[in-house]
Amino acid sequence: MKIITGNPGTGKHTVAKIIAKKLNLDMIDINRVAIDEGIFEKRDGTLDVDINRLKRIITRNASKNSLLIGHLAPYLVSRNNVESAIVLRRNPYKLQSVYKKRKYGSKKAIENLGSEILGITYYDVVKKIGRNKTFQVDTSNKSISIVIKRIQAFFLGGKTQEDDVDWLGLVLKKGDLKRFFPY
């Protein structure tokens, strides 16, 4: 199985649809599965998902030819079932405007922005499936076609350099730590 993950607003679904077609993969949208199976609760404007039930469903339905999409992917798979994983990243200043357009509540936006700045999803994927199977792409200033080419190259085993992402360094340099971490 292959994975495309990242925080909300990084471009997962946009690129996954194209990659699934190009590589003839069966796309499994984690959010869609959770909704279709009714294994979520609405709480404070977010959806809380029963991870254990979702993991069982994904494990049962995924195959070697699957492309698993969603920010919860690192918590639903085991190292042995994953061939490779892409973590999409995006500049938190750009993500902030995406969340505003999506009308995210303040708490939800701050949590997702903090996660992106600290690289939580990337860390969790590397920890779960290994550094050699994980590749991060900064989508901030890249066209969809460039992002697709980079993902395709990694999935097909080509040599390609992952992006160096340090949002915490950027935020510190701009003196905006309290803007993103107002606790």
C-alpha atoms as a PDB file:
ATOM      1  CA  MET A   1       0.000   0.000   0.000  1.00  0.00           C
ATOM      2  CA  LYS A   2       1.066   3.567  -0.671  1.00  0.00           C
ATOM      3  CA  ILE A   3       0.093   6.582   1.442  1.00  0.00           C
ATOM      4  CA  ILE A   4      -0.432  10.276   0.837  1.00  0.00           C
ATOM      5  CA  THR A   5      -0.838  12.155   4.097  1.00  0.00           C
ATOM      6  CA  GLY A   6      -0.288  15.590   5.593  1.00  0.00           C
ATOM      7  CA  ASN A   7      -2.190  18.182   7.557  1.00  0.00           C
ATOM      8  CA  PRO A   8      -5.525  19.467   6.231  1.00  0.00           C
ATOM      9  CA  GLY A   9      -5.046  21.950   3.387  1.00  0.00           C
ATOM     10  CA  THR A  10      -1.761  20.598   2.041  1.00  0.00           C
ATOM     11  CA  GLY A  11      -3.290  19.168  -1.152  1.00  0.00           C
ATOM     12  CA  LYS A  12      -3.722  15.478  -0.342  1.00  0.00           C
ATOM     13  CA  HIS A  13      -6.993  14.836  -2.153  1.00  0.00           C
ATOM     14  CA  THR A  14      -6.118  17.002  -5.145  1.00  0.00           C
ATOM     15  CA  VAL A  15      -2.919  15.103  -5.917  1.00  0.00           C
ATOM     16  CA  ALA A  16      -4.168  11.684  -4.782  1.00  0.00           C
ATOM     17  CA  LYS A  17      -6.925  11.586  -7.400  1.00  0.00           C
ATOM     18  CA  ILE A  18      -4.383  12.233 -10.151  1.00  0.00           C
ATOM     19  CA  ILE A  19      -1.749   9.835  -8.763  1.00  0.00           C
ATOM     20  CA  ALA A  20      -4.336   7.063  -8.341  1.00  0.00           C
ATOM     21  CA  LYS A  21      -5.314   7.411 -12.014  1.00  0.00           C
ATOM     22  CA  LYS A  22      -1.744   7.652 -13.322  1.00  0.00           C
ATOM     23  CA  LEU A  23      -0.502   4.650 -11.339  1.00  0.00           C
ATOM     24  CA  ASN A  24      -3.750   2.661 -11.533  1.00  0.00           C
ATOM     25  CA  LEU A  25      -4.141   2.503  -7.747  1.00  0.00           C
ATOM     26  CA  ASP A  26      -7.319   1.970  -5.744  1.00  0.00           C
ATOM     27  CA  MET A  27      -7.839   5.137  -3.710  1.00  0.00           C
ATOM     28  CA  ILE A  28      -9.059   4.750  -0.131  1.00  0.00           C
ATOM     29  CA  ASP A  29     -10.148   8.086   1.351  1.00  0.00           C
ATOM     30  CA  ILE A  30      -9.939   7.727   5.132  1.00  0.00           C
ATOM     31  CA  ASN A  31     -12.460  10.509   5.787  1.00  0.00           C
ATOM     32  CA  ARG A  32     -14.966   8.956   3.379  1.00  0.00           C
ATOM     33  CA  VAL A  33     -14.569   5.525   5.012  1.00  0.00           C
ATOM     34  CA  ALA A  34     -15.136   7.013   8.494  1.00  0.00           C
ATOM     35  CA  ILE A  35     -18.276   8.822   7.315  1.00  0.00           C
ATOM     36  CA  ASP A  36     -19.646   5.879   5.309  1.00  0.00           C
ATOM     37  CA  GLU A  37     -19.079   3.512   8.246  1.00  0.00           C
ATOM     38  CA  GLY A  38     -20.528   5.986  10.765  1.00  0.00           C
ATOM     39  CA  ILE A  39     -17.539   5.740  13.091  1.00  0.00           C
ATOM     40  CA  PHE A  40     -17.153   9.382  14.016  1.00  0.00           C
ATOM     41  CA  GLU A  41     -18.600  11.913  16.449  1.00  0.00           C
ATOM     42  CA  LYS A  42     -19.001  15.630  15.852  1.00  0.00           C
ATOM     43  CA  ARG A  43     -17.387  17.567  18.679  1.00  0.00           C
ATOM     44  CA  ASP A  44     -16.456  21.271  18.758  1.00  0.00           C
ATOM     45  CA  GLY A  45     -16.720  21.589  14.977  1.00  0.00           C
ATOM     46  CA  THR A  46     -14.438  18.617  14.339  1.00  0.00           C
ATOM     47  CA  LEU A  47     -14.977  14.943  13.688  1.00  0.00           C
ATOM     48  CA  ASP A  48     -13.607  12.550  16.303  1.00  0.00           C
ATOM     49  CA  VAL A  49     -12.984   9.134  14.778  1.00  0.00           C
ATOM     50  CA  ASP A  50     -12.845   5.713  16.414  1.00  0.00           C
ATOM     51  CA  ILE A  51      -9.259   4.947  15.334  1.00  0.00           C
ATOM     52  CA  ASN A  52      -9.335   1.266  16.334  1.00  0.00           C
ATOM     53  CA  ARG A  53     -12.471   0.510  14.318  1.00  0.00           C
ATOM     54  CA  LEU A  54     -11.191   2.553  11.390  1.00  0.00           C
ATOM     55  CA  LYS A  55      -7.864   0.692  11.488  1.00  0.00           C
ATOM     56  CA  ARG A  56      -9.655  -2.672  11.326  1.00  0.00           C
ATOM     57  CA  ILE A  57     -11.740  -1.525   8.345  1.00  0.00           C
ATOM     58  CA  ILE A  58      -8.722  -0.121   6.483  1.00  0.00           C
ATOM     59  CA  THR A  59      -6.662  -3.261   7.166  1.00  0.00           C
ATOM     60  CA  ARG A  60      -9.496  -5.436   5.875  1.00  0.00           C
ATOM     61  CA  ASN A  61     -10.034  -3.403   2.684  1.00  0.00           C
ATOM     62  CA  ALA A  62      -6.536  -2.264   1.701  1.00  0.00           C
ATOM     63  CA  SER A  63      -4.285  -4.163  -0.671  1.00  0.00           C
ATOM     64  CA  LYS A  64      -0.842  -3.769  -2.218  1.00  0.00           C
ATOM     65  CA  ASN A  65      -2.548  -1.747  -4.972  1.00  0.00           C
ATOM     66  CA  SER A  66      -4.196   0.712  -2.551  1.00  0.00           C
ATOM     67  CA  LEU A  67      -3.462   4.409  -2.161  1.00  0.00           C
ATOM     68  CA  LEU A  68      -4.506   5.470   1.343  1.00  0.00           C
ATOM     69  CA  ILE A  69      -5.336   9.182   1.665  1.00  0.00           C
ATOM     70  CA  GLY A  70      -5.797  11.230   4.810  1.00  0.00           C
ATOM     71  CA  HIS A  71      -4.157  12.917   7.756  1.00  0.00           C
ATOM     72  CA  LEU A  72      -4.937   9.925   9.991  1.00  0.00           C
ATOM     73  CA  ALA A  73      -2.972   7.480   7.804  1.00  0.00           C
ATOM     74  CA  PRO A  74       0.047   7.112  10.121  1.00  0.00           C
ATOM     75  CA  TYR A  75      -2.233   5.871  12.901  1.00  0.00           C
ATOM     76  CA  LEU A  76      -4.023   3.258  10.786  1.00  0.00           C
ATOM     77  CA  VAL A  77      -1.219   1.239   9.215  1.00  0.00           C
ATOM     78  CA  SER A  78       1.632  -1.017  10.219  1.00  0.00           C
ATOM     79  CA  ARG A  79       5.173  -0.797   8.881  1.00  0.00           C
ATOM     80  CA  ASN A  80       4.886  -4.104   7.002  1.00  0.00           C
ATOM     81  CA  ASN A  81       1.783  -3.063   5.039  1.00  0.00           C
ATOM     82  CA  VAL A  82       3.223   0.186   3.662  1.00  0.00           C
ATOM     83  CA  GLU A  83       5.484   0.293   0.637  1.00  0.00           C
ATOM     84  CA  SER A  84       5.987   4.078   0.712  1.00  0.00           C
ATOM     85  CA  ALA A  85       4.451   7.243   2.129  1.00  0.00           C
ATOM     86  CA  ILE A  86       4.300  10.841   0.966  1.00  0.00           C
ATOM     87  CA  VAL A  87       3.829  13.604   3.535  1.00  0.00           C
ATOM     88  CA  LEU A  88       2.618  16.836   1.958  1.00  0.00           C
ATOM     89  CA  ARG A  89       3.733  19.999   3.753  1.00  0.00           C
ATOM     90  CA  ARG A  90       2.629  23.606   3.342  1.00  0.00           C
ATOM     91  CA  ASN A  91       3.818  26.958   4.619  1.00  0.00           C
ATOM     92  CA  PRO A  92       1.768  27.758   7.763  1.00  0.00           C
ATOM     93  CA  TYR A  93       1.177  31.343   6.606  1.00  0.00           C
ATOM     94  CA  LYS A  94      -0.495  29.958   3.468  1.00  0.00           C
ATOM     95  CA  LEU A  95      -2.338  27.281   5.449  1.00  0.00           C
ATOM     96  CA  GLN A  96      -3.766  29.951   7.721  1.00  0.00           C
ATOM     97  CA  SER A  97      -5.590  31.550   4.787  1.00  0.00           C
ATOM     98  CA  VAL A  98      -6.802  28.110   3.611  1.00  0.00           C
ATOM     99  CA  TYR A  99      -8.287  27.459   7.053  1.00  0.00           C
ATOM    100  CA  LYS A 100      -9.919  30.881   7.058  1.00  0.00           C
ATOM    101  CA  LYS A 101     -11.568  30.131   3.672  1.00  0.00           C
ATOM    102  CA  ARG A 102     -12.733  26.758   5.005  1.00  0.00           C
ATOM    103  CA  LYS A 103     -14.160  28.555   8.049  1.00  0.00           C
ATOM    104  CA  TYR A 104     -12.203  26.452  10.543  1.00  0.00           C
ATOM    105  CA  GLY A 105     -12.791  27.401  14.156  1.00  0.00           C
ATOM    106  CA  SER A 106      -9.885  29.056  15.943  1.00  0.00           C
ATOM    107  CA  LYS A 107      -9.042  25.959  18.020  1.00  0.00           C
ATOM    108  CA  LYS A 108      -9.046  23.623  15.017  1.00  0.00           C
ATOM    109  CA  ALA A 109      -6.931  26.028  12.936  1.00  0.00           C
ATOM    110  CA  ILE A 110      -4.372  26.570  15.718  1.00  0.00           C
ATOM    111  CA  GLU A 111      -4.060  22.807  16.341  1.00  0.00           C
ATOM    112  CA  ASN A 112      -3.507  22.054  12.651  1.00  0.00           C
ATOM    113  CA  LEU A 113      -1.096  24.963  12.180  1.00  0.00           C
ATOM    114  CA  GLY A 114       0.898  23.911  15.241  1.00  0.00           C
ATOM    115  CA  SER A 115       1.066  20.362  13.943  1.00  0.00           C
ATOM    116  CA  GLU A 116       2.338  21.570  10.565  1.00  0.00           C
ATOM    117  CA  ILE A 117       4.929  23.908  12.094  1.00  0.00           C
ATOM    118  CA  LEU A 118       6.291  21.162  14.351  1.00  0.00           C
ATOM    119  CA  GLY A 119       6.165  18.509  11.609  1.00  0.00           C
ATOM    120  CA  ILE A 120       4.046  16.139  13.700  1.00  0.00           C
ATOM    121  CA  THR A 121       2.600  14.150  10.784  1.00  0.00           C
ATOM    122  CA  TYR A 122       6.010  13.763   9.143  1.00  0.00           C
ATOM    123  CA  TYR A 123       7.533  12.628  12.435  1.00  0.00           C
ATOM    124  CA  ASP A 124       4.704  10.157  13.062  1.00  0.00           C
ATOM    125  CA  VAL A 125       5.020   8.628   9.582  1.00  0.00           C
ATOM    126  CA  VAL A 126       8.805   8.251   9.871  1.00  0.00           C
ATOM    127  CA  LYS A 127       8.413   6.718  13.333  1.00  0.00           C
ATOM    128  CA  LYS A 128       5.702   4.321  12.127  1.00  0.00           C
ATOM    129  CA  ILE A 129       7.041   3.088   8.775  1.00  0.00           C
ATOM    130  CA  GLY A 130      10.672   4.218   8.638  1.00  0.00           C
ATOM    131  CA  ARG A 131      12.731   7.025   7.165  1.00  0.00           C
ATOM    132  CA  ASN A 132      13.607   5.134   3.974  1.00  0.00           C
ATOM    133  CA  LYS A 133       9.920   4.689   3.065  1.00  0.00           C
ATOM    134  CA  THR A 134       8.921   8.305   3.775  1.00  0.00           C
ATOM    135  CA  PHE A 135       9.201  11.355   1.501  1.00  0.00           C
ATOM    136  CA  GLN A 136       8.044  14.908   2.192  1.00  0.00           C
ATOM    137  CA  VAL A 137       7.031  17.440  -0.440  1.00  0.00           C
ATOM    138  CA  ASP A 138       6.509  21.143   0.265  1.00  0.00           C
ATOM    139  CA  THR A 139       3.467  22.090  -1.828  1.00  0.00           C
ATOM    140  CA  SER A 140       3.588  25.803  -0.890  1.00  0.00           C
ATOM    141  CA  ASN A 141       4.973  27.229  -4.122  1.00  0.00           C
ATOM    142  CA  LYS A 142       4.784  24.270  -6.489  1.00  0.00           C
ATOM    143  CA  SER A 143       2.320  23.612  -9.267  1.00  0.00           C
ATOM    144  CA  ILE A 144       0.191  20.485  -9.011  1.00  0.00           C
ATOM    145  CA  SER A 145       2.061  18.991 -11.982  1.00  0.00           C
ATOM    146  CA  ILE A 146       5.438  19.400 -10.234  1.00  0.00           C
ATOM    147  CA  VAL A 147       4.077  17.851  -7.022  1.00  0.00           C
ATOM    148  CA  ILE A 148       2.625  14.943  -9.047  1.00  0.00           C
ATOM    149  CA  LYS A 149       5.954  14.336 -10.811  1.00  0.00           C
ATOM    150  CA  ARG A 150       7.857  14.292  -7.510  1.00  0.00           C
ATOM    151  CA  ILE A 151       5.370  11.881  -5.901  1.00  0.00           C
ATOM    152  CA  GLN A 152       5.292   9.644  -8.954  1.00  0.00           C
ATOM    153  CA  ALA A 153       9.105   9.486  -9.036  1.00  0.00           C
ATOM    154  CA  PHE A 154       9.238   8.439  -5.379  1.00  0.00           C
ATOM    155  CA  PHE A 155       6.438   5.886  -5.691  1.00  0.00           C
ATOM    156  CA  LEU A 156       8.097   4.347  -8.756  1.00  0.00           C
ATOM    157  CA  GLY A 157      11.445   4.050  -6.999  1.00  0.00           C
ATOM    158  CA  GLY A 158      13.254   6.857  -8.777  1.00  0.00           C
ATOM    159  CA  LYS A 159      15.981   8.886  -7.154  1.00  0.00           C
ATOM    160  CA  THR A 160      14.589  12.200  -6.005  1.00  0.00           C
ATOM    161  CA  GLN A 161      15.505  14.587  -3.203  1.00  0.00           C
ATOM    162  CA  GLU A 162      12.818  15.333  -0.638  1.00  0.00           C
ATOM    163  CA  ASP A 163      12.153  18.931   0.356  1.00  0.00           C
ATOM    164  CA  ASP A 164      13.827  20.376   3.427  1.00  0.00           C
ATOM    165  CA  VAL A 165      11.031  21.797   5.562  1.00  0.00           C
ATOM    166  CA  ASP A 166      11.631  23.900   8.678  1.00  0.00           C
ATOM    167  CA  TRP A 167       8.494  25.882   9.454  1.00  0.00           C
ATOM    168  CA  LEU A 168       9.498  26.346  13.086  1.00  0.00           C
ATOM    169  CA  GLY A 169      12.688  28.099  11.976  1.00  0.00           C
ATOM    170  CA  LEU A 170      10.651  30.327   9.648  1.00  0.00           C
ATOM    171  CA  VAL A 171       8.117  31.231  12.342  1.00  0.00           C
ATOM    172  CA  LEU A 172      10.865  31.955  14.891  1.00  0.00           C
ATOM    173  CA  LYS A 173      12.756  34.098  12.373  1.00  0.00           C
ATOM    174  CA  LYS A 174       9.609  36.172  11.778  1.00  0.00           C
ATOM    175  CA  GLY A 175       8.942  36.453  15.524  1.00  0.00           C
ATOM    176  CA  ASP A 176       5.507  34.852  15.134  1.00  0.00           C
ATOM    177  CA  LEU A 177       5.668  32.018  17.667  1.00  0.00           C
ATOM    178  CA  LYS A 178       2.790  33.457  19.742  1.00  0.00           C
ATOM    179  CA  ARG A 179       0.710  33.926  16.589  1.00  0.00           C
ATOM    180  CA  PHE A 180       0.691  30.160  16.045  1.00  0.00           C
ATOM    181  CA  PHE A 181       1.082  28.996  19.656  1.00  0.00           C
ATOM    182  CA  PRO A 182      -1.081  31.401  21.705  1.00  0.00           C
ATOM    183  CA  TYR A 183      -1.281  29.184  24.792  1.00  0.00           C
END
